[in-house]
Amino acid sequence: MLIGSGCALYPLGWDSEEVRQTCGNLSNQFELGTCHIGWAYYCTGGGAVAAMLVCTWLACFSGKKQKQYPY
């Protein structure tokens, strides 16, 4: 959840002076101007979503009772 919230809050910093110098004066919150987002940002967001889905799936099936085989 922390990684997902970090990815969601990351664009709030795009209106800083450093980003405006690099990406042009058109940059604002959630508008990057002339720059673009790299593939690592998308991989991080996708990994956070995948981790949450896998953890939810494992939590749902961890409590199921397994068959006892008489040996």
N, C-alpha and C. Protein backbone atom coordinates (compact mmCIF):
# COMPACT_ATOMS: atom_id res chain seq x y z
N MET A 1 0.82 -1.19 0.00
CA MET A 1 0.00 0.00 0.00
C MET A 1 0.87 1.26 0.00
N LEU A 2 2.00 1.19 0.67
CA LEU A 2 2.87 2.36 0.72
C LEU A 2 3.48 2.67 -0.65
N ILE A 3 3.86 1.64 -1.40
CA ILE A 3 4.41 1.87 -2.72
C ILE A 3 3.34 2.45 -3.65
N GLY A 4 2.12 1.92 -3.57
CA GLY A 4 1.03 2.45 -4.38
C GLY A 4 0.70 3.89 -4.05
N SER A 5 0.70 4.22 -2.78
CA SER A 5 0.43 5.62 -2.41
C SER A 5 1.58 6.52 -2.81
N GLY A 6 2.79 6.01 -2.78
CA GLY A 6 3.93 6.79 -3.26
C GLY A 6 3.84 7.08 -4.75
N CYS A 7 3.40 6.09 -5.53
CA CYS A 7 3.20 6.31 -6.97
C CYS A 7 2.07 7.30 -7.23
N ALA A 8 1.06 7.28 -6.39
CA ALA A 8 -0.06 8.20 -6.58
C ALA A 8 0.32 9.63 -6.18
N LEU A 9 1.18 9.79 -5.18
CA LEU A 9 1.56 11.12 -4.71
C LEU A 9 2.76 11.70 -5.45
N TYR A 10 3.49 10.90 -6.16
CA TYR A 10 4.69 11.35 -6.87
C TYR A 10 4.43 12.53 -7.81
N PRO A 11 3.36 12.54 -8.60
CA PRO A 11 3.13 13.68 -9.50
C PRO A 11 2.83 15.00 -8.81
N LEU A 12 2.57 15.00 -7.52
CA LEU A 12 2.32 16.26 -6.82
C LEU A 12 3.55 17.16 -6.78
N GLY A 13 4.73 16.59 -6.95
CA GLY A 13 5.95 17.37 -6.92
C GLY A 13 6.37 17.95 -8.25
N TRP A 14 5.58 17.72 -9.29
CA TRP A 14 5.96 18.17 -10.61
C TRP A 14 5.82 19.68 -10.80
N ASP A 15 5.24 20.39 -9.85
CA ASP A 15 5.14 21.83 -9.99
C ASP A 15 6.29 22.56 -9.27
N SER A 16 7.32 21.81 -8.87
CA SER A 16 8.46 22.44 -8.19
C SER A 16 9.32 23.20 -9.21
N GLU A 17 10.16 24.04 -8.69
CA GLU A 17 11.01 24.88 -9.54
C GLU A 17 12.00 24.06 -10.36
N GLU A 18 12.55 22.99 -9.75
CA GLU A 18 13.51 22.14 -10.46
C GLU A 18 12.88 21.45 -11.65
N VAL A 19 11.67 20.97 -11.48
CA VAL A 19 10.98 20.29 -12.59
C VAL A 19 10.60 21.30 -13.67
N ARG A 20 10.21 22.49 -13.28
CA ARG A 20 9.88 23.53 -14.28
C ARG A 20 11.11 23.93 -15.08
N GLN A 21 12.27 23.96 -14.46
CA GLN A 21 13.49 24.28 -15.21
C GLN A 21 13.84 23.18 -16.20
N THR A 22 13.61 21.94 -15.82
CA THR A 22 13.97 20.82 -16.67
C THR A 22 12.93 20.55 -17.75
N CYS A 23 11.65 20.57 -17.39
CA CYS A 23 10.58 20.15 -18.29
C CYS A 23 9.82 21.32 -18.92
N GLY A 24 10.19 22.53 -18.63
CA GLY A 24 9.51 23.68 -19.22
C GLY A 24 8.47 24.26 -18.27
N ASN A 25 8.03 25.45 -18.58
CA ASN A 25 7.07 26.14 -17.73
C ASN A 25 5.66 25.56 -17.79
N LEU A 26 5.42 24.61 -18.69
CA LEU A 26 4.10 24.00 -18.79
C LEU A 26 3.85 22.95 -17.72
N SER A 27 4.89 22.55 -17.00
CA SER A 27 4.71 21.49 -16.00
C SER A 27 3.94 22.02 -14.80
N ASN A 28 3.06 21.20 -14.29
CA ASN A 28 2.21 21.49 -13.16
C ASN A 28 1.91 20.18 -12.47
N GLN A 29 1.13 20.19 -11.42
CA GLN A 29 0.75 18.93 -10.78
C GLN A 29 -0.01 18.07 -11.78
N PHE A 30 0.43 16.82 -11.94
CA PHE A 30 -0.14 15.84 -12.84
C PHE A 30 -0.04 16.24 -14.31
N GLU A 31 0.74 17.25 -14.65
CA GLU A 31 1.05 17.63 -16.03
C GLU A 31 2.57 17.82 -16.10
N LEU A 32 3.24 16.96 -16.84
CA LEU A 32 4.70 16.95 -16.80
C LEU A 32 5.35 17.87 -17.81
N GLY A 33 4.60 18.52 -18.66
CA GLY A 33 5.18 19.43 -19.64
C GLY A 33 5.84 18.66 -20.77
N THR A 34 7.10 18.98 -21.09
CA THR A 34 7.78 18.34 -22.21
C THR A 34 8.48 17.05 -21.82
N CYS A 35 8.57 16.72 -20.56
CA CYS A 35 9.19 15.47 -20.11
C CYS A 35 8.19 14.31 -20.21
N HIS A 36 8.69 13.11 -20.02
CA HIS A 36 7.81 11.93 -20.01
C HIS A 36 8.20 11.00 -18.86
N ILE A 37 7.26 10.15 -18.50
CA ILE A 37 7.49 9.20 -17.41
C ILE A 37 8.16 7.96 -17.99
N GLY A 38 9.15 7.47 -17.32
CA GLY A 38 9.87 6.29 -17.77
C GLY A 38 9.14 5.00 -17.41
N TRP A 39 9.67 3.90 -17.90
CA TRP A 39 9.04 2.59 -17.71
C TRP A 39 9.12 2.13 -16.26
N ALA A 40 10.07 2.62 -15.48
CA ALA A 40 10.22 2.17 -14.10
C ALA A 40 9.04 2.60 -13.24
N TYR A 41 8.48 3.77 -13.52
CA TYR A 41 7.30 4.24 -12.78
C TYR A 41 6.11 3.31 -13.01
N TYR A 42 5.90 2.92 -14.26
CA TYR A 42 4.79 2.01 -14.57
C TYR A 42 5.03 0.62 -13.99
N CYS A 43 6.27 0.16 -14.02
CA CYS A 43 6.58 -1.15 -13.42
C CYS A 43 6.37 -1.15 -11.91
N THR A 44 6.72 -0.04 -11.27
CA THR A 44 6.52 0.06 -9.83
C THR A 44 5.04 0.04 -9.49
N GLY A 45 4.24 0.79 -10.23
CA GLY A 45 2.79 0.79 -10.00
C GLY A 45 2.17 -0.57 -10.27
N GLY A 46 2.58 -1.20 -11.36
CA GLY A 46 2.07 -2.54 -11.67
C GLY A 46 2.49 -3.58 -10.65
N GLY A 47 3.72 -3.46 -10.17
CA GLY A 47 4.19 -4.38 -9.14
C GLY A 47 3.46 -4.21 -7.83
N ALA A 48 3.11 -2.98 -7.49
CA ALA A 48 2.35 -2.74 -6.26
C ALA A 48 0.96 -3.33 -6.37
N VAL A 49 0.33 -3.17 -7.52
CA VAL A 49 -1.01 -3.74 -7.72
C VAL A 49 -0.94 -5.26 -7.71
N ALA A 50 0.06 -5.83 -8.39
CA ALA A 50 0.21 -7.28 -8.42
C ALA A 50 0.48 -7.85 -7.03
N ALA A 51 1.30 -7.17 -6.25
CA ALA A 51 1.60 -7.63 -4.89
C ALA A 51 0.34 -7.62 -4.02
N MET A 52 -0.47 -6.58 -4.15
CA MET A 52 -1.71 -6.52 -3.37
C MET A 52 -2.67 -7.63 -3.78
N LEU A 53 -2.77 -7.90 -5.08
CA LEU A 53 -3.67 -8.96 -5.54
C LEU A 53 -3.19 -10.34 -5.08
N VAL A 54 -1.89 -10.58 -5.17
CA VAL A 54 -1.35 -11.88 -4.74
C VAL A 54 -1.52 -12.06 -3.24
N CYS A 55 -1.25 -11.02 -2.48
CA CYS A 55 -1.40 -11.12 -1.02
C CYS A 55 -2.86 -11.34 -0.63
N THR A 56 -3.77 -10.67 -1.31
CA THR A 56 -5.19 -10.88 -1.04
C THR A 56 -5.60 -12.30 -1.39
N TRP A 57 -5.14 -12.79 -2.53
CA TRP A 57 -5.47 -14.15 -2.96
C TRP A 57 -4.91 -15.17 -1.97
N LEU A 58 -3.68 -14.98 -1.53
CA LEU A 58 -3.10 -15.91 -0.57
C LEU A 58 -3.81 -15.87 0.77
N ALA A 59 -4.24 -14.69 1.20
CA ALA A 59 -4.96 -14.58 2.46
C ALA A 59 -6.31 -15.27 2.39
N CYS A 60 -6.96 -15.21 1.23
CA CYS A 60 -8.28 -15.85 1.10
C CYS A 60 -8.18 -17.37 1.14
N PHE A 61 -7.12 -17.92 0.56
CA PHE A 61 -7.02 -19.37 0.46
C PHE A 61 -6.14 -20.00 1.54
N SER A 62 -5.57 -19.22 2.41
CA SER A 62 -4.70 -19.80 3.43
C SER A 62 -5.49 -20.50 4.54
N GLY A 63 -6.72 -20.10 4.75
CA GLY A 63 -7.51 -20.69 5.82
C GLY A 63 -8.29 -21.92 5.40
N LYS A 64 -8.23 -22.31 4.13
CA LYS A 64 -8.97 -23.49 3.69
C LYS A 64 -8.37 -24.74 4.30
N LYS A 65 -9.26 -25.62 4.71
CA LYS A 65 -8.81 -26.86 5.33
C LYS A 65 -8.40 -27.85 4.24
N GLN A 66 -7.25 -28.45 4.42
CA GLN A 66 -6.77 -29.42 3.45
C GLN A 66 -7.29 -30.80 3.81
N LYS A 67 -7.40 -31.63 2.77
CA LYS A 67 -7.86 -33.00 2.99
C LYS A 67 -6.82 -33.79 3.78
N GLN A 68 -7.30 -34.60 4.68
CA GLN A 68 -6.42 -35.49 5.42
C GLN A 68 -6.49 -36.86 4.78
N TYR A 69 -5.38 -37.33 4.31
CA TYR A 69 -5.31 -38.64 3.66
C TYR A 69 -4.94 -39.69 4.70
N PRO A 70 -5.74 -40.74 4.82
CA PRO A 70 -5.38 -41.81 5.76
C PRO A 70 -4.26 -42.66 5.18
N TYR A 71 -3.16 -42.70 5.86
CA TYR A 71 -2.02 -43.50 5.42
C TYR A 71 -1.83 -44.65 6.34
